[in-house]
PDB file of N, CA and C in Angstrom:
ATOM      1  N   MET A   1      75.911 168.689 138.632  1.00  0.00           N
ATOM      2  CA  MET A   1      76.399 167.348 138.869  1.00  0.00           C
ATOM      3  C   MET A   1      77.027 166.836 137.575  1.00  0.00           C
ATOM      4  N   PRO A   2      78.245 166.340 137.629  1.00  0.00           N
ATOM      5  CA  PRO A   2      78.898 165.877 136.404  1.00  0.00           C
ATOM      6  C   PRO A   2      78.245 164.602 135.879  1.00  0.00           C
ATOM      7  N   GLN A   3      78.205 164.491 134.556  1.00  0.00           N
ATOM      8  CA  GLN A   3      77.639 163.304 133.925  1.00  0.00           C
ATOM      9  C   GLN A   3      78.643 162.158 133.993  1.00  0.00           C
ATOM     10  N   LEU A   4      78.182 160.993 134.356  1.00  0.00           N
ATOM     11  CA  LEU A   4      79.040 159.816 134.418  1.00  0.00           C
ATOM     12  C   LEU A   4      79.048 159.121 133.063  1.00  0.00           C
ATOM     13  N   THR A   5      80.219 158.711 132.625  1.00  0.00           N
ATOM     14  CA  THR A   5      80.303 157.934 131.396  1.00  0.00           C
ATOM     15  C   THR A   5      79.812 156.521 131.696  1.00  0.00           C
ATOM     16  N   PRO A   6      79.377 155.789 130.687  1.00  0.00           N
ATOM     17  CA  PRO A   6      78.889 154.424 130.951  1.00  0.00           C
ATOM     18  C   PRO A   6      79.915 153.534 131.644  1.00  0.00           C
ATOM     19  N   GLU A   7      81.212 153.787 131.403  1.00  0.00           N
ATOM     20  CA  GLU A   7      82.241 152.974 132.037  1.00  0.00           C
ATOM     21  C   GLU A   7      82.334 153.244 133.530  1.00  0.00           C
ATOM     22  N   ARG A   8      81.939 154.435 133.975  1.00  0.00           N
ATOM     23  CA  ARG A   8      82.076 154.824 135.372  1.00  0.00           C
ATOM     24  C   ARG A   8      80.733 154.857 136.108  1.00  0.00           C
ATOM     25  N   ASN A   9      79.670 154.463 135.469  1.00  0.00           N
ATOM     26  CA  ASN A   9      78.342 154.521 136.062  1.00  0.00           C
ATOM     27  C   ASN A   9      78.138 153.313 136.979  1.00  0.00           C
ATOM     28  N   PRO A  10      77.964 153.539 138.302  1.00  0.00           N
ATOM     29  CA  PRO A  10      77.804 152.407 139.217  1.00  0.00           C
ATOM     30  C   PRO A  10      76.483 151.657 139.036  1.00  0.00           C
ATOM     31  N   PHE A  11      75.524 152.248 138.324  1.00  0.00           N
ATOM     32  CA  PHE A  11      74.225 151.614 138.128  1.00  0.00           C
ATOM     33  C   PHE A  11      74.114 150.925 136.767  1.00  0.00           C
ATOM     34  N   MET A  12      75.211 150.825 136.049  1.00  0.00           N
ATOM     35  CA  MET A  12      75.183 150.259 134.704  1.00  0.00           C
ATOM     36  C   MET A  12      74.743 148.799 134.708  1.00  0.00           C
ATOM     37  N   LEU A  13      75.094 148.041 135.748  1.00  0.00           N
ATOM     38  CA  LEU A  13      74.697 146.634 135.805  1.00  0.00           C
ATOM     39  C   LEU A  13      73.178 146.497 135.869  1.00  0.00           C
ATOM     40  N   MET A  14      72.516 147.434 136.529  1.00  0.00           N
ATOM     41  CA  MET A  14      71.053 147.385 136.600  1.00  0.00           C
ATOM     42  C   MET A  14      70.423 147.914 135.314  1.00  0.00           C
ATOM     43  N   ILE A  15      71.071 148.891 134.687  1.00  0.00           N
ATOM     44  CA  ILE A  15      70.503 149.523 133.498  1.00  0.00           C
ATOM     45  C   ILE A  15      70.704 148.659 132.259  1.00  0.00           C
ATOM     46  N   ASN A  16      71.924 148.170 132.071  1.00  0.00           N
ATOM     47  CA  ASN A  16      72.252 147.419 130.867  1.00  0.00           C
ATOM     48  C   ASN A  16      73.232 146.299 131.209  1.00  0.00           C
ATOM     49  N   PRO A  17      72.757 145.188 131.757  1.00  0.00           N
ATOM     50  CA  PRO A  17      73.663 144.128 132.214  1.00  0.00           C
ATOM     51  C   PRO A  17      74.442 143.448 131.088  1.00  0.00           C
ATOM     52  N   GLU A  18      73.884 143.396 129.876  1.00  0.00           N
ATOM     53  CA  GLU A  18      74.589 142.734 128.777  1.00  0.00           C
ATOM     54  C   GLU A  18      75.910 143.426 128.473  1.00  0.00           C
ATOM     55  N   VAL A  19      75.911 144.755 128.506  1.00  0.00           N
ATOM     56  CA  VAL A  19      77.128 145.517 128.232  1.00  0.00           C
ATOM     57  C   VAL A  19      78.165 145.253 129.315  1.00  0.00           C
ATOM     58  N   VAL A  20      77.722 145.183 130.569  1.00  0.00           N
ATOM     59  CA  VAL A  20      78.647 144.950 131.680  1.00  0.00           C
ATOM     60  C   VAL A  20      79.261 143.557 131.575  1.00  0.00           C
ATOM     61  N   PHE A  21      78.452 142.540 131.320  1.00  0.00           N
ATOM     62  CA  PHE A  21      78.973 141.179 131.224  1.00  0.00           C
ATOM     63  C   PHE A  21      79.910 141.023 130.024  1.00  0.00           C
ATOM     64  N   ALA A  22      79.612 141.701 128.914  1.00  0.00           N
ATOM     65  CA  ALA A  22      80.500 141.649 127.752  1.00  0.00           C
ATOM     66  C   ALA A  22      81.839 142.301 128.076  1.00  0.00           C
ATOM     67  N   ALA A  23      81.820 143.405 128.823  1.00  0.00           N
ATOM     68  CA  ALA A  23      83.064 144.078 129.206  1.00  0.00           C
ATOM     69  C   ALA A  23      83.877 143.210 130.161  1.00  0.00           C
ATOM     70  N   ILE A  24      83.207 142.494 131.050  1.00  0.00           N
ATOM     71  CA  ILE A  24      83.909 141.598 131.978  1.00  0.00           C
ATOM     72  C   ILE A  24      84.585 140.470 131.202  1.00  0.00           C
ATOM     73  N   GLU A  25      83.878 139.884 130.244  1.00  0.00           N
ATOM     74  CA  GLU A  25      84.444 138.788 129.453  1.00  0.00           C
ATOM     75  C   GLU A  25      85.616 139.255 128.599  1.00  0.00           C
ATOM     76  N   ALA A  26      85.584 140.495 128.114  1.00  0.00           N
ATOM     77  CA  ALA A  26      86.636 141.007 127.237  1.00  0.00           C
ATOM     78  C   ALA A  26      87.823 141.585 128.004  1.00  0.00           C
ATOM     79  N   SER A  27      87.727 141.708 129.308  1.00  0.00           N
ATOM     80  CA  SER A  27      88.774 142.351 130.100  1.00  0.00           C
ATOM     81  C   SER A  27      89.997 141.451 130.252  1.00  0.00           C
ATOM     82  N   GLU A  28      91.161 141.958 129.819  1.00  0.00           N
ATOM     83  CA  GLU A  28      92.408 141.209 129.994  1.00  0.00           C
ATOM     84  C   GLU A  28      92.800 141.138 131.462  1.00  0.00           C
ATOM     85  N   ARG A  29      92.631 142.236 132.177  1.00  0.00           N
ATOM     86  CA  ARG A  29      93.020 142.277 133.591  1.00  0.00           C
ATOM     87  C   ARG A  29      92.233 141.270 134.414  1.00  0.00           C
ATOM     88  N   LEU A  30      90.930 141.163 134.149  1.00  0.00           N
ATOM     89  CA  LEU A  30      90.129 140.187 134.888  1.00  0.00           C
ATOM     90  C   LEU A  30      90.490 138.760 134.482  1.00  0.00           C
ATOM     91  N   GLY A  31      90.877 138.556 133.240  1.00  0.00           N
ATOM     92  CA  GLY A  31      91.268 137.234 132.778  1.00  0.00           C
ATOM     93  C   GLY A  31      92.566 136.751 133.395  1.00  0.00           C
ATOM     94  N   GLN A  32      93.408 137.675 133.844  1.00  0.00           N
ATOM     95  CA  GLN A  32      94.690 137.312 134.439  1.00  0.00           C
ATOM     96  C   GLN A  32      94.592 136.998 135.930  1.00  0.00           C
ATOM     97  N   LEU A  33      93.445 137.225 136.522  1.00  0.00           N
ATOM     98  CA  LEU A  33      93.289 136.943 137.946  1.00  0.00           C
ATOM     99  C   LEU A  33      93.327 135.441 138.200  1.00  0.00           C
ATOM    100  N   ASN A  34      93.923 135.069 139.305  1.00  0.00           N
ATOM    101  CA  ASN A  34      93.907 133.668 139.723  1.00  0.00           C
ATOM    102  C   ASN A  34      92.547 133.370 140.333  1.00  0.00           C
ATOM    103  N   ARG A  35      91.926 132.313 139.861  1.00  0.00           N
ATOM    104  CA  ARG A  35      90.609 131.949 140.381  1.00  0.00           C
ATOM    105  C   ARG A  35      90.731 130.640 141.135  1.00  0.00           C
ATOM    106  N   HIS A  36      90.261 130.649 142.350  1.00  0.00           N
ATOM    107  CA  HIS A  36      90.233 129.423 143.136  1.00  0.00           C
ATOM    108  C   HIS A  36      89.069 129.493 144.112  1.00  0.00           C
ATOM    109  N   LEU A  37      88.621 128.342 144.516  1.00  0.00           N
ATOM    110  CA  LEU A  37      87.473 128.235 145.410  1.00  0.00           C
ATOM    111  C   LEU A  37      87.961 128.164 146.847  1.00  0.00           C
ATOM    112  N   CYS A  38      87.474 129.045 147.676  1.00  0.00           N
ATOM    113  CA  CYS A  38      87.831 129.041 149.100  1.00  0.00           C
ATOM    114  C   CYS A  38      86.675 128.438 149.891  1.00  0.00           C
ATOM    115  N   ARG A  39      87.018 127.570 150.814  1.00  0.00           N
ATOM    116  CA  ARG A  39      86.010 126.944 151.671  1.00  0.00           C
ATOM    117  C   ARG A  39      86.353 127.249 153.123  1.00  0.00           C
ATOM    118  N   PRO A  40      85.353 127.413 153.957  1.00  0.00           N
ATOM    119  CA  PRO A  40      85.637 127.662 155.377  1.00  0.00           C
ATOM    120  C   PRO A  40      86.276 126.438 156.023  1.00  0.00           C
ATOM    121  N   LEU A  41      87.176 126.680 156.957  1.00  0.00           N
ATOM    122  CA  LEU A  41      87.868 125.583 157.632  1.00  0.00           C
ATOM    123  C   LEU A  41      87.004 124.943 158.710  1.00  0.00           C
ATOM    124  N   ASP A  42      86.208 125.745 159.376  1.00  0.00           N
ATOM    125  CA  ASP A  42      85.373 125.238 160.460  1.00  0.00           C
ATOM    126  C   ASP A  42      83.962 124.993 159.950  1.00  0.00           C
ATOM    127  N   ARG A  43      83.388 123.929 160.430  1.00  0.00           N
ATOM    128  CA  ARG A  43      81.996 123.639 160.090  1.00  0.00           C
ATOM    129  C   ARG A  43      81.101 124.109 161.231  1.00  0.00           C
ATOM    130  N   VAL A  44      79.953 124.616 160.875  1.00  0.00           N
ATOM    131  CA  VAL A  44      78.996 125.063 161.873  1.00  0.00           C
ATOM    132  C   VAL A  44      78.303 123.846 162.454  1.00  0.00           C
ATOM    133  N   VAL A  45      78.365 123.723 163.769  1.00  0.00           N
ATOM    134  CA  VAL A  45      77.732 122.603 164.450  1.00  0.00           C
ATOM    135  C   VAL A  45      76.534 123.154 165.214  1.00  0.00           C
ATOM    136  N   PRO A  46      75.331 122.712 164.878  1.00  0.00           N
ATOM    137  CA  PRO A  46      74.164 123.201 165.609  1.00  0.00           C
ATOM    138  C   PRO A  46      74.186 122.703 167.048  1.00  0.00           C
ATOM    139  N   VAL A  47      73.910 123.610 167.970  1.00  0.00           N
ATOM    140  CA  VAL A  47      73.915 123.269 169.389  1.00  0.00           C
ATOM    141  C   VAL A  47      72.466 123.208 169.859  1.00  0.00           C
ATOM    142  N   ALA A  48      72.068 122.058 170.349  1.00  0.00           N
ATOM    143  CA  ALA A  48      70.718 121.888 170.871  1.00  0.00           C
ATOM    144  C   ALA A  48      70.809 121.894 172.390  1.00  0.00           C
ATOM    145  N   ASP A  49      70.485 123.024 172.995  1.00  0.00           N
ATOM    146  CA  ASP A  49      70.558 123.166 174.445  1.00  0.00           C
ATOM    147  C   ASP A  49      69.129 123.196 174.982  1.00  0.00           C
ATOM    148  N   ALA A  50      68.706 122.124 175.621  1.00  0.00           N
ATOM    149  CA  ALA A  50      67.337 122.024 176.123  1.00  0.00           C
ATOM    150  C   ALA A  50      67.094 122.966 177.293  1.00  0.00           C
ATOM    151  N   ALA A  51      68.136 123.362 178.022  1.00  0.00           N
ATOM    152  CA  ALA A  51      67.970 124.230 179.181  1.00  0.00           C
ATOM    153  C   ALA A  51      67.671 125.672 178.773  1.00  0.00           C
ATOM    154  N   ALA A  52      68.134 126.081 177.614  1.00  0.00           N
ATOM    155  CA  ALA A  52      67.921 127.460 177.168  1.00  0.00           C
ATOM    156  C   ALA A  52      66.617 127.540 176.384  1.00  0.00           C
ATOM    157  N   PRO A  53      65.671 128.366 176.827  1.00  0.00           N
ATOM    158  CA  PRO A  53      64.409 128.491 176.094  1.00  0.00           C
ATOM    159  C   PRO A  53      64.618 129.256 174.789  1.00  0.00           C
ATOM    160  N   ALA A  54      63.792 128.953 173.830  1.00  0.00           N
ATOM    161  CA  ALA A  54      63.862 129.657 172.554  1.00  0.00           C
ATOM    162  C   ALA A  54      63.365 131.084 172.744  1.00  0.00           C
ATOM    163  N   VAL A  55      64.074 132.030 172.184  1.00  0.00           N
ATOM    164  CA  VAL A  55      63.710 133.441 172.291  1.00  0.00           C
ATOM    165  C   VAL A  55      62.911 133.814 171.055  1.00  0.00           C
ATOM    166  N   VAL A  56      61.714 134.332 171.290  1.00  0.00           N
ATOM    167  CA  VAL A  56      60.859 134.759 170.196  1.00  0.00           C
ATOM    168  C   VAL A  56      60.590 136.242 170.373  1.00  0.00           C
ATOM    169  N   GLU A  57      60.947 137.018 169.365  1.00  0.00           N
ATOM    170  CA  GLU A  57      60.710 138.458 169.398  1.00  0.00           C
ATOM    171  C   GLU A  57      59.309 138.716 168.859  1.00  0.00           C
ATOM    172  N   ASP A  58      58.467 139.338 169.650  1.00  0.00           N
ATOM    173  CA  ASP A  58      57.123 139.673 169.222  1.00  0.00           C
ATOM    174  C   ASP A  58      56.869 141.124 169.588  1.00  0.00           C
ATOM    175  N   ASP A  59      56.979 142.006 168.616  1.00  0.00           N
ATOM    176  CA  ASP A  59      56.825 143.436 168.866  1.00  0.00           C
ATOM    177  C   ASP A  59      55.366 143.844 169.046  1.00  0.00           C
ATOM    178  N   ASP A  60      54.412 142.989 168.678  1.00  0.00           N
ATOM    179  CA  ASP A  60      53.005 143.346 168.800  1.00  0.00           C
ATOM    180  C   ASP A  60      52.569 143.452 170.259  1.00  0.00           C
ATOM    181  N   ASP A  61      53.188 142.704 171.157  1.00  0.00           N
ATOM    182  CA  ASP A  61      52.787 142.692 172.556  1.00  0.00           C
ATOM    183  C   ASP A  61      53.610 143.644 173.418  1.00  0.00           C
ATOM    184  N   LEU A  62      54.382 144.499 172.810  1.00  0.00           N
ATOM    185  CA  LEU A  62      55.249 145.409 173.538  1.00  0.00           C
ATOM    186  C   LEU A  62      54.413 146.487 174.213  1.00  0.00           C
ATOM    187  N   GLU A  63      54.562 146.627 175.543  1.00  0.00           N
ATOM    188  CA  GLU A  63      53.835 147.651 176.289  1.00  0.00           C
ATOM    189  C   GLU A  63      54.805 148.741 176.697  1.00  0.00           C
ATOM    190  N   LEU A  64      54.474 149.963 176.335  1.00  0.00           N
ATOM    191  CA  LEU A  64      55.305 151.104 176.675  1.00  0.00           C
ATOM    192  C   LEU A  64      54.693 151.830 177.863  1.00  0.00           C
ATOM    193  N   PRO A  65      55.528 152.425 178.731  1.00  0.00           N
ATOM    194  CA  PRO A  65      54.979 153.184 179.859  1.00  0.00           C
ATOM    195  C   PRO A  65      54.237 154.419 179.360  1.00  0.00           C
ATOM    196  N   ALA A  66      53.199 154.787 180.100  1.00  0.00           N
ATOM    197  CA  ALA A  66      52.392 155.947 179.722  1.00  0.00           C
ATOM    198  C   ALA A  66      53.183 157.224 179.934  1.00  0.00           C
ATOM    199  N   GLU A  67      53.029 158.168 179.012  1.00  0.00           N
ATOM    200  CA  GLU A  67      53.707 159.454 179.137  1.00  0.00           C
ATOM    201  C   GLU A  67      52.821 160.405 179.928  1.00  0.00           C
ATOM    202  N   ASP A  68      53.435 161.225 180.763  1.00  0.00           N
ATOM    203  CA  ASP A  68      52.673 162.188 181.568  1.00  0.00           C
ATOM    204  C   ASP A  68      52.475 163.486 180.844  1.00  0.00           C
TER     205      ASP A  68
END
């Protein structure tokens, strides 16, 4: 298995986060990105439907058919 250099190691953020954050701050390419905040257009409206019963999943009471 080939050895990964620290620059290409996908686990570097977990191993040494200070080095990763310093590289992000020093990166010219990342500094040139346009940064803006995106917000969803639609708001989630909770629907209270009294006719529909609440569904509760309870796996402890699950009965399986007997095997022959």
